[in-house]
Amino acid sequence: MSDIYIPEVFLTYGSKSALCSVVSNCYEAAAFIHDKIGKGLVERFILLCMDYDYHPINYSILSIGNSDKIVVDLGELFRISLLCGAKRILVAHNHLGSSLEPTESDIKTTKMIGSVSRMLDIELIDSMIVINDGDWISIRKYVMENGL
């Protein structure tokens, strides 16, 4: 009988990255988010997890796409959120061009994340889009302002 090798997954803490001691909105997260995913040749999606008092406890780049789309695994997003004990989350992705306009898919994904987070008693603080020059938009604010 031959040995069977299976992959092992380890959750480890790496080096610390500069971030506000409290993140309760997009303004407080914007510089950190831009530093992690704002510049690049492909789209990336990031999850920022906070405890009950809005203190950051984890971040994960959940997905790396291509030049025009990204696929987000909601199971993985919430698995990470639950494993680190998050009570609040903020998600973001980058657009490669200069457009901050959320796509229909951006809005749909944000609403799905919000729906699941409510069921799990995890607050979705917001969903952001960032672009190369450091500019960003709150999808939550965009949806409210446009009645979507």
N, C-alpha and C. Protein backbone atom coordinates (compact mmCIF):
# COMPACT_ATOMS: atom_id res chain seq x y z
N MET A 1 0.84 -1.17 0.00
CA MET A 1 0.00 0.00 0.00
C MET A 1 0.90 1.25 0.00
N SER A 2 0.60 2.21 -0.88
CA SER A 2 1.43 3.41 -0.95
C SER A 2 0.86 4.50 -0.04
N ASP A 3 1.76 5.38 0.38
CA ASP A 3 1.34 6.51 1.21
C ASP A 3 0.53 7.50 0.39
N ILE A 4 -0.43 8.12 1.05
CA ILE A 4 -1.23 9.16 0.42
C ILE A 4 -0.86 10.47 1.09
N TYR A 5 -0.53 11.45 0.31
CA TYR A 5 -0.18 12.77 0.84
C TYR A 5 -1.32 13.74 0.58
N ILE A 6 -1.72 14.44 1.62
CA ILE A 6 -2.78 15.44 1.49
C ILE A 6 -2.22 16.79 1.91
N PRO A 7 -2.73 17.86 1.32
CA PRO A 7 -2.22 19.19 1.68
C PRO A 7 -2.67 19.59 3.08
N GLU A 8 -1.80 20.30 3.78
CA GLU A 8 -2.13 20.84 5.08
C GLU A 8 -2.24 22.35 4.96
N VAL A 9 -3.21 22.92 5.65
CA VAL A 9 -3.40 24.36 5.66
C VAL A 9 -3.12 24.86 7.07
N PHE A 10 -2.28 25.86 7.17
CA PHE A 10 -1.93 26.44 8.46
C PHE A 10 -2.36 27.89 8.49
N LEU A 11 -2.98 28.30 9.57
CA LEU A 11 -3.32 29.69 9.79
C LEU A 11 -2.23 30.27 10.67
N THR A 12 -1.46 31.21 10.13
CA THR A 12 -0.37 31.80 10.90
C THR A 12 -0.47 33.31 10.88
N TYR A 13 0.14 33.94 11.83
CA TYR A 13 0.24 35.38 11.87
C TYR A 13 1.58 35.79 11.30
N GLY A 14 1.56 36.71 10.35
CA GLY A 14 2.79 37.20 9.75
C GLY A 14 3.19 38.51 10.39
N SER A 15 4.02 39.24 9.69
CA SER A 15 4.47 40.53 10.20
C SER A 15 3.29 41.50 10.24
N LYS A 16 3.40 42.50 11.07
CA LYS A 16 2.32 43.47 11.22
C LYS A 16 2.41 44.54 10.15
N SER A 17 1.26 45.01 9.70
CA SER A 17 1.18 46.10 8.73
C SER A 17 0.57 47.30 9.41
N ALA A 18 0.97 48.49 8.98
CA ALA A 18 0.46 49.73 9.58
C ALA A 18 -1.01 49.92 9.24
N LEU A 19 -1.79 50.14 10.26
CA LEU A 19 -3.23 50.38 10.11
C LEU A 19 -3.70 51.13 11.34
N CYS A 20 -4.75 51.93 11.18
CA CYS A 20 -5.32 52.64 12.33
C CYS A 20 -5.65 51.65 13.43
N SER A 21 -5.60 52.10 14.67
CA SER A 21 -5.92 51.20 15.78
C SER A 21 -7.41 50.88 15.83
N VAL A 22 -8.22 51.71 15.18
CA VAL A 22 -9.66 51.48 15.10
C VAL A 22 -10.09 51.71 13.65
N VAL A 23 -10.88 50.78 13.12
CA VAL A 23 -11.40 50.92 11.75
C VAL A 23 -12.90 50.74 11.80
N SER A 24 -13.61 51.88 11.70
CA SER A 24 -15.07 51.83 11.74
C SER A 24 -15.71 52.35 10.47
N ASN A 25 -14.87 52.76 9.49
CA ASN A 25 -15.40 53.26 8.22
C ASN A 25 -14.32 53.21 7.14
N CYS A 26 -14.71 53.55 5.93
CA CYS A 26 -13.78 53.50 4.79
C CYS A 26 -12.63 54.48 4.93
N TYR A 27 -12.89 55.65 5.49
CA TYR A 27 -11.83 56.65 5.63
C TYR A 27 -10.66 56.11 6.44
N GLU A 28 -10.97 55.38 7.51
CA GLU A 28 -9.91 54.86 8.37
C GLU A 28 -9.17 53.68 7.74
N ALA A 29 -9.78 53.03 6.76
CA ALA A 29 -9.17 51.87 6.12
C ALA A 29 -8.52 52.19 4.78
N ALA A 30 -8.83 53.32 4.18
CA ALA A 30 -8.47 53.61 2.79
C ALA A 30 -6.98 53.48 2.49
N ALA A 31 -6.12 54.09 3.28
CA ALA A 31 -4.69 54.06 2.99
C ALA A 31 -4.15 52.63 3.08
N PHE A 32 -4.58 51.90 4.09
CA PHE A 32 -4.13 50.51 4.25
C PHE A 32 -4.60 49.66 3.07
N ILE A 33 -5.86 49.78 2.71
CA ILE A 33 -6.42 49.01 1.60
C ILE A 33 -5.67 49.34 0.31
N HIS A 34 -5.47 50.62 0.05
CA HIS A 34 -4.76 51.01 -1.17
C HIS A 34 -3.34 50.44 -1.19
N ASP A 35 -2.67 50.47 -0.05
CA ASP A 35 -1.32 49.92 0.03
C ASP A 35 -1.29 48.44 -0.30
N LYS A 36 -2.31 47.70 0.10
CA LYS A 36 -2.34 46.25 -0.10
C LYS A 36 -2.82 45.83 -1.48
N ILE A 37 -3.81 46.54 -2.04
CA ILE A 37 -4.38 46.09 -3.32
C ILE A 37 -4.56 47.17 -4.37
N GLY A 38 -4.30 48.43 -4.03
CA GLY A 38 -4.62 49.53 -4.92
C GLY A 38 -3.82 49.60 -6.20
N LYS A 39 -2.61 49.10 -6.17
CA LYS A 39 -1.77 49.16 -7.36
C LYS A 39 -1.55 47.74 -7.85
N GLY A 40 -1.62 47.56 -9.14
CA GLY A 40 -1.39 46.22 -9.65
C GLY A 40 -1.90 46.06 -11.07
N LEU A 41 -1.62 44.91 -11.61
CA LEU A 41 -2.00 44.61 -12.99
C LEU A 41 -3.23 43.72 -13.07
N VAL A 42 -3.69 43.23 -11.93
CA VAL A 42 -4.89 42.39 -11.88
C VAL A 42 -5.77 42.85 -10.72
N GLU A 43 -7.02 42.46 -10.78
CA GLU A 43 -7.93 42.81 -9.68
C GLU A 43 -7.67 41.89 -8.49
N ARG A 44 -7.78 42.48 -7.29
CA ARG A 44 -7.62 41.72 -6.05
C ARG A 44 -8.73 42.10 -5.08
N PHE A 45 -9.09 41.17 -4.21
CA PHE A 45 -10.17 41.35 -3.24
C PHE A 45 -9.60 41.10 -1.85
N ILE A 46 -9.85 42.03 -0.93
CA ILE A 46 -9.31 41.93 0.42
C ILE A 46 -10.42 41.96 1.46
N LEU A 47 -10.21 41.24 2.53
CA LEU A 47 -11.10 41.19 3.68
C LEU A 47 -10.34 41.74 4.87
N LEU A 48 -10.94 42.70 5.57
CA LEU A 48 -10.37 43.26 6.79
C LEU A 48 -11.32 42.92 7.94
N CYS A 49 -10.81 42.23 8.95
CA CYS A 49 -11.63 41.78 10.08
C CYS A 49 -11.34 42.61 11.32
N MET A 50 -12.40 42.99 12.03
CA MET A 50 -12.28 43.75 13.27
C MET A 50 -13.01 43.03 14.40
N ASP A 51 -12.58 43.32 15.63
CA ASP A 51 -13.27 42.78 16.79
C ASP A 51 -14.48 43.66 17.11
N TYR A 52 -15.11 43.41 18.24
CA TYR A 52 -16.31 44.13 18.64
C TYR A 52 -16.06 45.63 18.76
N ASP A 53 -14.85 46.01 19.19
CA ASP A 53 -14.51 47.42 19.40
C ASP A 53 -13.84 48.07 18.20
N TYR A 54 -13.97 47.45 17.03
CA TYR A 54 -13.44 47.96 15.76
C TYR A 54 -11.91 47.91 15.67
N HIS A 55 -11.26 47.12 16.50
CA HIS A 55 -9.82 46.95 16.40
C HIS A 55 -9.52 45.90 15.33
N PRO A 56 -8.65 46.21 14.37
CA PRO A 56 -8.31 45.23 13.34
C PRO A 56 -7.64 44.00 13.95
N ILE A 57 -8.08 42.82 13.53
CA ILE A 57 -7.49 41.58 14.04
C ILE A 57 -6.94 40.69 12.93
N ASN A 58 -7.29 40.98 11.68
CA ASN A 58 -6.82 40.14 10.58
C ASN A 58 -7.13 40.82 9.25
N TYR A 59 -6.30 40.54 8.27
CA TYR A 59 -6.67 40.87 6.89
C TYR A 59 -6.23 39.72 6.00
N SER A 60 -6.95 39.52 4.93
CA SER A 60 -6.63 38.46 3.98
C SER A 60 -6.93 38.92 2.57
N ILE A 61 -6.00 38.70 1.67
CA ILE A 61 -6.29 38.90 0.26
C ILE A 61 -6.94 37.60 -0.18
N LEU A 62 -8.25 37.66 -0.40
CA LEU A 62 -9.05 36.46 -0.64
C LEU A 62 -8.98 35.95 -2.06
N SER A 63 -8.78 36.87 -2.99
CA SER A 63 -8.85 36.43 -4.38
C SER A 63 -8.00 37.34 -5.25
N ILE A 64 -7.39 36.74 -6.25
CA ILE A 64 -6.64 37.47 -7.27
C ILE A 64 -7.26 37.08 -8.61
N GLY A 65 -7.74 38.07 -9.32
CA GLY A 65 -8.42 37.82 -10.58
C GLY A 65 -7.53 38.08 -11.77
N ASN A 66 -8.14 38.63 -12.82
CA ASN A 66 -7.36 39.01 -13.99
C ASN A 66 -7.58 40.50 -14.22
N SER A 67 -7.38 40.96 -15.44
CA SER A 67 -7.43 42.40 -15.69
C SER A 67 -8.84 42.99 -15.67
N ASP A 68 -9.87 42.17 -15.69
CA ASP A 68 -11.21 42.75 -15.72
C ASP A 68 -12.24 42.08 -14.82
N LYS A 69 -11.86 41.06 -14.07
CA LYS A 69 -12.84 40.46 -13.15
C LYS A 69 -12.13 39.68 -12.05
N ILE A 70 -12.93 39.41 -11.03
CA ILE A 70 -12.44 38.64 -9.89
C ILE A 70 -13.58 37.79 -9.37
N VAL A 71 -13.28 36.62 -8.87
CA VAL A 71 -14.30 35.73 -8.31
C VAL A 71 -14.08 35.70 -6.80
N VAL A 72 -15.14 35.95 -6.05
CA VAL A 72 -15.06 35.96 -4.59
C VAL A 72 -15.76 34.72 -4.04
N ASP A 73 -15.06 33.95 -3.23
CA ASP A 73 -15.62 32.76 -2.59
C ASP A 73 -16.18 33.18 -1.24
N LEU A 74 -17.51 33.30 -1.14
CA LEU A 74 -18.13 33.75 0.11
C LEU A 74 -17.88 32.78 1.25
N GLY A 75 -17.82 31.49 0.94
CA GLY A 75 -17.52 30.51 1.99
C GLY A 75 -16.17 30.78 2.63
N GLU A 76 -15.18 31.07 1.82
CA GLU A 76 -13.84 31.37 2.33
C GLU A 76 -13.83 32.69 3.11
N LEU A 77 -14.54 33.69 2.61
CA LEU A 77 -14.63 34.97 3.29
C LEU A 77 -15.16 34.79 4.72
N PHE A 78 -16.25 34.04 4.85
CA PHE A 78 -16.84 33.88 6.18
C PHE A 78 -16.12 32.84 7.02
N ARG A 79 -15.46 31.89 6.41
CA ARG A 79 -14.64 30.94 7.16
C ARG A 79 -13.51 31.70 7.88
N ILE A 80 -12.84 32.59 7.16
CA ILE A 80 -11.77 33.39 7.75
C ILE A 80 -12.33 34.31 8.83
N SER A 81 -13.45 34.95 8.54
CA SER A 81 -14.07 35.86 9.51
C SER A 81 -14.40 35.14 10.82
N LEU A 82 -14.98 33.95 10.70
CA LEU A 82 -15.36 33.19 11.90
C LEU A 82 -14.14 32.64 12.64
N LEU A 83 -13.15 32.16 11.89
CA LEU A 83 -11.96 31.58 12.54
C LEU A 83 -11.17 32.61 13.34
N CYS A 84 -11.18 33.87 12.90
CA CYS A 84 -10.43 34.87 13.66
C CYS A 84 -11.31 35.61 14.66
N GLY A 85 -12.57 35.23 14.76
CA GLY A 85 -13.47 35.82 15.75
C GLY A 85 -13.94 37.22 15.40
N ALA A 86 -14.03 37.54 14.12
CA ALA A 86 -14.45 38.87 13.70
C ALA A 86 -15.90 39.15 14.07
N LYS A 87 -16.16 40.36 14.53
CA LYS A 87 -17.53 40.83 14.77
C LYS A 87 -17.92 41.86 13.72
N ARG A 88 -16.90 42.39 13.01
CA ARG A 88 -17.14 43.39 11.98
C ARG A 88 -16.15 43.14 10.84
N ILE A 89 -16.60 43.37 9.61
CA ILE A 89 -15.71 43.19 8.46
C ILE A 89 -15.85 44.36 7.50
N LEU A 90 -14.81 44.60 6.75
CA LEU A 90 -14.82 45.56 5.66
C LEU A 90 -14.16 44.85 4.49
N VAL A 91 -14.76 44.93 3.31
CA VAL A 91 -14.20 44.28 2.13
C VAL A 91 -13.90 45.34 1.08
N ALA A 92 -12.96 45.02 0.19
CA ALA A 92 -12.61 45.96 -0.87
C ALA A 92 -12.00 45.20 -2.03
N HIS A 93 -12.08 45.82 -3.19
CA HIS A 93 -11.37 45.31 -4.36
C HIS A 93 -10.92 46.49 -5.20
N ASN A 94 -9.99 46.24 -6.09
CA ASN A 94 -9.47 47.31 -6.92
C ASN A 94 -10.04 47.23 -8.33
N HIS A 95 -10.14 48.40 -8.95
CA HIS A 95 -10.42 48.50 -10.38
C HIS A 95 -9.13 48.98 -11.03
N LEU A 96 -8.80 48.42 -12.17
CA LEU A 96 -7.52 48.74 -12.81
C LEU A 96 -7.52 50.08 -13.53
N GLY A 97 -8.63 50.48 -14.07
CA GLY A 97 -8.69 51.75 -14.78
C GLY A 97 -8.91 52.90 -13.81
N SER A 98 -9.46 53.97 -14.34
CA SER A 98 -9.70 55.15 -13.50
C SER A 98 -11.16 55.24 -13.05
N SER A 99 -11.95 54.23 -13.35
CA SER A 99 -13.38 54.26 -13.01
C SER A 99 -13.64 53.70 -11.61
N LEU A 100 -14.32 54.52 -10.82
CA LEU A 100 -14.77 54.07 -9.50
C LEU A 100 -16.22 53.60 -9.53
N GLU A 101 -16.82 53.61 -10.69
CA GLU A 101 -18.22 53.21 -10.84
C GLU A 101 -18.37 51.72 -10.51
N PRO A 102 -19.17 51.37 -9.49
CA PRO A 102 -19.39 49.95 -9.19
C PRO A 102 -20.15 49.27 -10.33
N THR A 103 -19.76 48.07 -10.67
CA THR A 103 -20.48 47.30 -11.67
C THR A 103 -21.70 46.66 -11.02
N GLU A 104 -22.58 46.14 -11.84
CA GLU A 104 -23.74 45.41 -11.32
C GLU A 104 -23.28 44.25 -10.44
N SER A 105 -22.21 43.58 -10.87
CA SER A 105 -21.65 42.47 -10.11
C SER A 105 -21.08 42.93 -8.77
N ASP A 106 -20.43 44.10 -8.74
CA ASP A 106 -19.90 44.66 -7.49
C ASP A 106 -21.03 44.86 -6.48
N ILE A 107 -22.12 45.43 -6.94
CA ILE A 107 -23.26 45.71 -6.07
C ILE A 107 -23.92 44.41 -5.61
N LYS A 108 -24.11 43.48 -6.52
CA LYS A 108 -24.72 42.19 -6.18
C LYS A 108 -23.87 41.44 -5.15
N THR A 109 -22.56 41.41 -5.35
CA THR A 109 -21.67 40.72 -4.41
C THR A 109 -21.70 41.38 -3.05
N THR A 110 -21.70 42.71 -3.01
CA THR A 110 -21.77 43.43 -1.74
C THR A 110 -23.06 43.10 -0.99
N LYS A 111 -24.16 43.06 -1.71
CA LYS A 111 -25.45 42.74 -1.08
C LYS A 111 -25.48 41.31 -0.56
N MET A 112 -24.86 40.38 -1.30
CA MET A 112 -24.79 38.98 -0.83
C MET A 112 -23.94 38.88 0.44
N ILE A 113 -22.81 39.57 0.46
CA ILE A 113 -21.96 39.56 1.66
C ILE A 113 -22.73 40.14 2.83
N GLY A 114 -23.45 41.24 2.60
CA GLY A 114 -24.25 41.85 3.67
C GLY A 114 -25.32 40.92 4.19
N SER A 115 -25.98 40.20 3.31
CA SER A 115 -27.04 39.28 3.71
C SER A 115 -26.49 38.14 4.58
N VAL A 116 -25.40 37.53 4.13
CA VAL A 116 -24.81 36.43 4.89
C VAL A 116 -24.25 36.95 6.22
N SER A 117 -23.63 38.11 6.20
CA SER A 117 -23.05 38.64 7.44
C SER A 117 -24.12 38.89 8.50
N ARG A 118 -25.29 39.36 8.07
CA ARG A 118 -26.39 39.56 9.04
C ARG A 118 -26.81 38.24 9.67
N MET A 119 -26.86 37.17 8.87
CA MET A 119 -27.24 35.86 9.40
C MET A 119 -26.22 35.35 10.42
N LEU A 120 -24.96 35.74 10.24
CA LEU A 120 -23.89 35.28 11.13
C LEU A 120 -23.59 36.27 12.25
N ASP A 121 -24.38 37.34 12.34
CA ASP A 121 -24.19 38.37 13.35
C ASP A 121 -22.80 39.01 13.25
N ILE A 122 -22.37 39.24 12.01
CA ILE A 122 -21.13 39.95 11.73
C ILE A 122 -21.52 41.21 10.95
N GLU A 123 -21.11 42.36 11.43
CA GLU A 123 -21.45 43.61 10.76
C GLU A 123 -20.56 43.83 9.54
N LEU A 124 -21.17 44.06 8.39
CA LEU A 124 -20.43 44.50 7.21
C LEU A 124 -20.34 46.01 7.29
N ILE A 125 -19.17 46.53 7.62
CA ILE A 125 -18.99 47.98 7.75
C ILE A 125 -19.18 48.65 6.40
N ASP A 126 -18.53 48.11 5.38
CA ASP A 126 -18.67 48.67 4.04
C ASP A 126 -17.95 47.79 3.04
N SER A 127 -18.14 48.13 1.78
CA SER A 127 -17.44 47.51 0.67
C SER A 127 -16.86 48.66 -0.16
N MET A 128 -15.58 48.57 -0.49
CA MET A 128 -14.90 49.67 -1.18
C MET A 128 -14.37 49.24 -2.54
N ILE A 129 -14.22 50.22 -3.40
CA ILE A 129 -13.46 50.05 -4.63
C ILE A 129 -12.33 51.06 -4.57
N VAL A 130 -11.11 50.62 -4.85
CA VAL A 130 -9.96 51.53 -4.90
C VAL A 130 -9.35 51.48 -6.30
N ILE A 131 -8.69 52.58 -6.67
CA ILE A 131 -7.99 52.62 -7.95
C ILE A 131 -6.54 53.04 -7.71
N ASN A 132 -5.74 52.95 -8.77
CA ASN A 132 -4.29 53.16 -8.66
C ASN A 132 -3.88 54.48 -8.02
N ASP A 133 -4.60 55.56 -8.30
CA ASP A 133 -4.18 56.87 -7.79
C ASP A 133 -4.52 57.10 -6.32
N GLY A 134 -5.10 56.10 -5.67
CA GLY A 134 -5.43 56.23 -4.25
C GLY A 134 -6.87 56.63 -4.00
N ASP A 135 -7.58 57.00 -5.03
CA ASP A 135 -8.98 57.37 -4.87
C ASP A 135 -9.80 56.12 -4.58
N TRP A 136 -10.95 56.28 -3.96
CA TRP A 136 -11.79 55.15 -3.58
C TRP A 136 -13.25 55.59 -3.49
N ILE A 137 -14.12 54.60 -3.44
CA ILE A 137 -15.55 54.86 -3.28
C ILE A 137 -16.15 53.80 -2.34
N SER A 138 -17.13 54.23 -1.57
CA SER A 138 -17.91 53.33 -0.73
C SER A 138 -19.09 52.82 -1.55
N ILE A 139 -19.16 51.50 -1.72
CA ILE A 139 -20.29 50.93 -2.47
C ILE A 139 -21.58 51.15 -1.70
N ARG A 140 -21.52 51.06 -0.38
CA ARG A 140 -22.72 51.30 0.44
C ARG A 140 -23.28 52.70 0.17
N LYS A 141 -22.41 53.70 0.20
CA LYS A 141 -22.84 55.08 -0.04
C LYS A 141 -23.37 55.24 -1.46
N TYR A 142 -22.70 54.64 -2.43
CA TYR A 142 -23.13 54.70 -3.82
C TYR A 142 -24.54 54.13 -3.98
N VAL A 143 -24.78 52.98 -3.38
CA VAL A 143 -26.09 52.32 -3.47
C VAL A 143 -27.17 53.21 -2.84
N MET A 144 -26.89 53.77 -1.68
CA MET A 144 -27.88 54.63 -1.01
C MET A 144 -28.16 55.90 -1.81
N GLU A 145 -27.10 56.52 -2.35
CA GLU A 145 -27.29 57.75 -3.12
C GLU A 145 -28.02 57.55 -4.43
N ASN A 146 -27.90 56.35 -4.99
CA ASN A 146 -28.51 56.06 -6.29
C ASN A 146 -29.78 55.20 -6.18
N GLY A 147 -30.24 54.96 -4.97
CA GLY A 147 -31.48 54.23 -4.75
C GLY A 147 -31.48 52.81 -5.32
N LEU A 148 -30.36 52.14 -5.23
CA LEU A 148 -30.25 50.78 -5.79
C LEU A 148 -30.53 49.71 -4.75
